[in-house]
């Protein structure tokens, strides 16, 4: 009996997938702290945007971990990830377009 929706491939190694999601979340937290430290020293908004990016990415990985099926990500998670990327792009553009 196939319990998966049509077109969905079951997770081959669920323990490994959960480990890797946790690993990504932990590294995202470390990167967030790293960029917050540099933002605190320089007050450069680019570092703050990178810290927010990694915090959002790590948070969405934790949401993936807490879901019953990590390969079925809900749509709002993708919207959050897109907003995080757009935040970094906006910070880069703002930094490169301001007068010297």
N, C-alpha and C. Protein backbone atom coordinates (compact mmCIF):
# COMPACT_ATOMS: atom_id res chain seq x y z
N UNK A 1 0.84 -1.17 0.00
CA UNK A 1 0.00 0.00 0.00
C UNK A 1 0.89 1.24 0.00
N UNK A 2 0.66 2.16 -0.91
CA UNK A 2 1.42 3.39 -1.03
C UNK A 2 0.71 4.49 -0.25
N UNK A 3 1.36 4.98 0.82
CA UNK A 3 0.76 6.01 1.66
C UNK A 3 1.18 7.43 1.27
N UNK A 4 2.03 7.55 0.27
CA UNK A 4 2.52 8.86 -0.14
C UNK A 4 1.64 9.42 -1.25
N UNK A 5 1.46 10.74 -1.27
CA UNK A 5 0.70 11.35 -2.35
C UNK A 5 1.37 11.08 -3.69
N UNK A 6 0.60 11.12 -4.77
CA UNK A 6 1.19 10.86 -6.08
C UNK A 6 2.28 11.88 -6.42
N UNK A 7 3.38 11.38 -6.96
CA UNK A 7 4.47 12.24 -7.36
C UNK A 7 5.45 12.55 -6.25
N UNK A 8 5.16 12.15 -5.01
CA UNK A 8 6.04 12.42 -3.88
C UNK A 8 6.93 11.22 -3.64
N UNK A 9 8.21 11.44 -3.65
CA UNK A 9 9.17 10.37 -3.41
C UNK A 9 9.40 10.26 -1.91
N UNK A 10 9.29 9.06 -1.34
CA UNK A 10 9.52 8.93 0.09
C UNK A 10 10.98 9.22 0.45
N UNK A 11 11.20 9.65 1.67
CA UNK A 11 12.56 9.94 2.13
C UNK A 11 13.32 8.64 2.26
N UNK A 12 14.47 8.56 1.59
CA UNK A 12 15.24 7.32 1.58
C UNK A 12 15.93 7.09 2.92
N UNK A 13 16.47 8.15 3.52
CA UNK A 13 17.20 8.04 4.78
C UNK A 13 16.67 9.10 5.75
N UNK A 14 15.53 8.84 6.41
CA UNK A 14 14.92 9.88 7.24
C UNK A 14 15.82 10.34 8.39
N UNK A 15 16.58 9.44 8.99
CA UNK A 15 17.46 9.84 10.09
C UNK A 15 18.55 10.79 9.60
N UNK A 16 19.12 10.49 8.46
CA UNK A 16 20.14 11.36 7.89
C UNK A 16 19.56 12.71 7.50
N UNK A 17 18.38 12.71 6.93
CA UNK A 17 17.74 13.97 6.55
C UNK A 17 17.49 14.85 7.78
N UNK A 18 16.99 14.24 8.86
CA UNK A 18 16.75 15.00 10.08
C UNK A 18 18.06 15.52 10.68
N UNK A 19 19.11 14.69 10.64
CA UNK A 19 20.42 15.13 11.13
C UNK A 19 20.92 16.32 10.32
N UNK A 20 20.81 16.25 9.01
CA UNK A 20 21.31 17.34 8.16
C UNK A 20 20.49 18.62 8.35
N UNK A 21 19.18 18.49 8.53
CA UNK A 21 18.37 19.68 8.81
C UNK A 21 18.78 20.32 10.13
N UNK A 22 19.04 19.50 11.14
CA UNK A 22 19.50 20.03 12.42
C UNK A 22 20.87 20.67 12.30
N UNK A 23 21.73 20.06 11.51
CA UNK A 23 23.08 20.60 11.28
C UNK A 23 23.00 21.96 10.60
N UNK A 24 22.16 22.07 9.59
CA UNK A 24 21.98 23.35 8.89
C UNK A 24 21.42 24.40 9.83
N UNK A 25 20.46 24.02 10.67
CA UNK A 25 19.88 24.97 11.63
C UNK A 25 20.93 25.45 12.62
N UNK A 26 21.77 24.54 13.11
CA UNK A 26 22.81 24.92 14.07
C UNK A 26 23.86 25.83 13.42
N UNK A 27 24.25 25.52 12.20
CA UNK A 27 25.22 26.38 11.51
C UNK A 27 24.62 27.74 11.18
N UNK A 28 23.34 27.77 10.89
CA UNK A 28 22.67 29.05 10.65
C UNK A 28 22.66 29.90 11.91
N UNK A 29 22.46 29.26 13.07
CA UNK A 29 22.51 29.99 14.34
C UNK A 29 23.91 30.54 14.59
N UNK A 30 24.92 29.74 14.29
CA UNK A 30 26.31 30.20 14.47
C UNK A 30 26.61 31.37 13.54
N UNK A 31 26.15 31.29 12.30
CA UNK A 31 26.38 32.39 11.35
C UNK A 31 25.63 33.64 11.79
N UNK A 32 24.44 33.47 12.35
CA UNK A 32 23.67 34.62 12.85
C UNK A 32 24.44 35.34 13.94
N UNK A 33 24.99 34.58 14.89
CA UNK A 33 25.77 35.18 15.98
C UNK A 33 27.02 35.86 15.43
N UNK A 34 27.66 35.23 14.47
CA UNK A 34 28.86 35.79 13.84
C UNK A 34 28.56 37.16 13.22
N UNK A 35 27.49 37.22 12.41
CA UNK A 35 27.17 38.48 11.74
C UNK A 35 26.63 39.52 12.71
N UNK A 36 25.94 39.10 13.77
CA UNK A 36 25.49 40.07 14.78
C UNK A 36 26.67 40.70 15.51
N UNK A 37 27.72 39.91 15.74
CA UNK A 37 28.90 40.45 16.39
C UNK A 37 29.54 41.53 15.51
N UNK A 38 29.65 41.25 14.20
CA UNK A 38 30.23 42.25 13.30
C UNK A 38 29.33 43.47 13.15
N UNK A 39 28.02 43.26 13.17
CA UNK A 39 27.11 44.40 13.10
C UNK A 39 27.26 45.27 14.35
N UNK A 40 27.42 44.62 15.50
CA UNK A 40 27.58 45.37 16.75
C UNK A 40 28.84 46.23 16.72
N UNK A 41 29.91 45.70 16.10
CA UNK A 41 31.16 46.46 16.03
C UNK A 41 31.11 47.59 15.00
N UNK A 42 30.48 47.35 13.85
CA UNK A 42 30.54 48.32 12.75
C UNK A 42 29.25 49.10 12.53
N UNK A 43 28.14 48.58 13.01
CA UNK A 43 26.80 49.17 12.75
C UNK A 43 26.48 49.26 11.26
N UNK A 44 27.07 48.35 10.49
CA UNK A 44 26.81 48.29 9.05
C UNK A 44 25.55 47.44 8.83
N UNK A 45 24.58 47.99 8.15
CA UNK A 45 23.30 47.29 7.98
C UNK A 45 23.43 46.02 7.13
N UNK A 46 24.49 45.92 6.35
CA UNK A 46 24.69 44.71 5.56
C UNK A 46 24.90 43.51 6.48
N UNK A 47 25.67 43.69 7.56
CA UNK A 47 25.86 42.59 8.51
C UNK A 47 24.56 42.23 9.20
N UNK A 48 23.74 43.22 9.50
CA UNK A 48 22.45 42.95 10.14
C UNK A 48 21.53 42.18 9.20
N UNK A 49 21.56 42.51 7.92
CA UNK A 49 20.71 41.80 6.97
C UNK A 49 21.18 40.35 6.79
N UNK A 50 22.49 40.12 6.80
CA UNK A 50 22.98 38.75 6.74
C UNK A 50 22.61 37.97 8.00
N UNK A 51 22.65 38.63 9.16
CA UNK A 51 22.24 37.97 10.40
C UNK A 51 20.76 37.58 10.33
N UNK A 52 19.93 38.49 9.82
CA UNK A 52 18.51 38.18 9.68
C UNK A 52 18.29 37.05 8.68
N UNK A 53 19.06 37.05 7.59
CA UNK A 53 18.95 35.98 6.60
C UNK A 53 19.21 34.62 7.23
N UNK A 54 20.33 34.51 7.96
CA UNK A 54 20.67 33.21 8.54
C UNK A 54 19.70 32.83 9.66
N UNK A 55 19.18 33.81 10.40
CA UNK A 55 18.20 33.50 11.43
C UNK A 55 16.92 32.96 10.81
N UNK A 56 16.48 33.56 9.71
CA UNK A 56 15.27 33.08 9.03
C UNK A 56 15.50 31.71 8.43
N UNK A 57 16.65 31.51 7.79
CA UNK A 57 16.96 30.20 7.21
C UNK A 57 17.01 29.12 8.29
N UNK A 58 17.66 29.40 9.41
CA UNK A 58 17.71 28.43 10.49
C UNK A 58 16.34 28.17 11.09
N UNK A 59 15.56 29.22 11.23
CA UNK A 59 14.21 29.05 11.77
C UNK A 59 13.32 28.20 10.87
N UNK A 60 13.45 28.38 9.57
CA UNK A 60 12.63 27.56 8.67
C UNK A 60 13.09 26.11 8.67
N UNK A 61 14.38 25.88 8.91
CA UNK A 61 14.86 24.48 9.02
C UNK A 61 14.31 23.84 10.29
N UNK A 62 14.17 24.62 11.36
CA UNK A 62 13.58 24.09 12.58
C UNK A 62 12.11 23.77 12.36
N UNK A 63 11.43 24.61 11.58
CA UNK A 63 10.04 24.30 11.22
C UNK A 63 9.98 23.00 10.44
N UNK A 64 10.92 22.81 9.51
CA UNK A 64 10.98 21.55 8.77
C UNK A 64 11.18 20.36 9.71
N UNK A 65 12.05 20.54 10.70
CA UNK A 65 12.31 19.46 11.65
C UNK A 65 11.09 19.11 12.48
N UNK A 66 10.29 20.12 12.81
CA UNK A 66 9.14 19.88 13.68
C UNK A 66 7.93 19.34 12.92
N UNK A 67 7.97 19.37 11.61
CA UNK A 67 6.84 18.86 10.84
C UNK A 67 6.88 17.34 10.77
N UNK A 68 5.73 16.71 10.63
CA UNK A 68 5.72 15.24 10.58
C UNK A 68 6.42 14.68 9.35
N UNK A 69 6.42 15.43 8.26
CA UNK A 69 7.10 14.99 7.05
C UNK A 69 7.94 16.15 6.52
N UNK A 70 9.27 16.14 6.78
CA UNK A 70 10.10 17.29 6.40
C UNK A 70 10.15 17.59 4.91
N UNK A 71 9.80 16.62 4.06
CA UNK A 71 9.84 16.91 2.63
C UNK A 71 8.55 17.53 2.13
N UNK A 72 7.57 17.72 2.99
CA UNK A 72 6.34 18.42 2.62
C UNK A 72 6.36 19.80 3.28
N UNK A 73 7.06 20.72 2.66
CA UNK A 73 7.20 22.06 3.21
C UNK A 73 5.99 22.89 2.79
N UNK A 74 5.43 23.59 3.75
CA UNK A 74 4.27 24.45 3.45
C UNK A 74 4.74 25.70 2.72
N UNK A 75 3.82 26.32 2.00
CA UNK A 75 4.16 27.45 1.14
C UNK A 75 4.72 28.65 1.86
N UNK A 76 4.26 28.94 3.08
CA UNK A 76 4.73 30.14 3.76
C UNK A 76 6.20 30.05 4.12
N UNK A 77 6.74 28.83 4.24
CA UNK A 77 8.17 28.68 4.51
C UNK A 77 8.98 29.19 3.31
N UNK A 78 8.51 28.88 2.10
CA UNK A 78 9.19 29.37 0.90
C UNK A 78 9.10 30.89 0.80
N UNK A 79 7.98 31.45 1.22
CA UNK A 79 7.82 32.91 1.19
C UNK A 79 8.79 33.56 2.17
N UNK A 80 8.96 32.98 3.37
CA UNK A 80 9.92 33.51 4.33
C UNK A 80 11.34 33.44 3.78
N UNK A 81 11.69 32.32 3.15
CA UNK A 81 13.03 32.18 2.59
C UNK A 81 13.26 33.18 1.47
N UNK A 82 12.25 33.42 0.65
CA UNK A 82 12.36 34.41 -0.42
C UNK A 82 12.54 35.80 0.16
N UNK A 83 11.78 36.13 1.21
CA UNK A 83 11.93 37.44 1.83
C UNK A 83 13.32 37.62 2.44
N UNK A 84 13.89 36.56 2.98
CA UNK A 84 15.24 36.64 3.53
C UNK A 84 16.25 36.95 2.44
N UNK A 85 16.12 36.30 1.29
CA UNK A 85 17.03 36.56 0.18
C UNK A 85 16.85 37.99 -0.34
N UNK A 86 15.61 38.42 -0.45
CA UNK A 86 15.34 39.78 -0.92
C UNK A 86 15.88 40.82 0.05
N UNK A 87 15.87 40.52 1.33
CA UNK A 87 16.43 41.42 2.33
C UNK A 87 17.93 41.61 2.11
N UNK A 88 18.64 40.53 1.82
CA UNK A 88 20.08 40.63 1.56
C UNK A 88 20.33 41.37 0.26
N UNK A 89 19.55 41.08 -0.77
CA UNK A 89 19.71 41.77 -2.05
C UNK A 89 19.48 43.27 -1.88
N UNK A 90 18.45 43.64 -1.11
CA UNK A 90 18.17 45.06 -0.88
C UNK A 90 19.31 45.72 -0.12
N UNK A 91 19.88 45.03 0.85
CA UNK A 91 21.00 45.60 1.61
C UNK A 91 22.23 45.78 0.73
N UNK A 92 22.48 44.82 -0.14
CA UNK A 92 23.62 44.94 -1.07
C UNK A 92 23.41 46.11 -2.02
N UNK A 93 22.22 46.21 -2.59
CA UNK A 93 21.93 47.32 -3.50
C UNK A 93 22.02 48.66 -2.79
N UNK A 94 21.50 48.73 -1.57
CA UNK A 94 21.55 49.99 -0.82
C UNK A 94 23.00 50.39 -0.54
N UNK A 95 23.81 49.41 -0.22
CA UNK A 95 25.22 49.71 0.10
C UNK A 95 25.98 50.13 -1.17
N UNK A 96 25.68 49.54 -2.30
CA UNK A 96 26.42 49.85 -3.52
C UNK A 96 25.90 51.09 -4.24
N UNK A 97 24.73 51.56 -3.91
CA UNK A 97 24.18 52.73 -4.60
C UNK A 97 24.29 54.00 -3.79
N UNK A 98 24.69 53.90 -2.53
CA UNK A 98 24.82 55.13 -1.76
C UNK A 98 26.09 55.87 -2.17
N UNK A 99 26.06 57.18 -2.09
CA UNK A 99 27.22 57.96 -2.52
C UNK A 99 28.42 57.72 -1.61
N UNK A 100 29.61 57.85 -2.19
CA UNK A 100 30.86 57.58 -1.43
C UNK A 100 31.22 58.69 -0.49
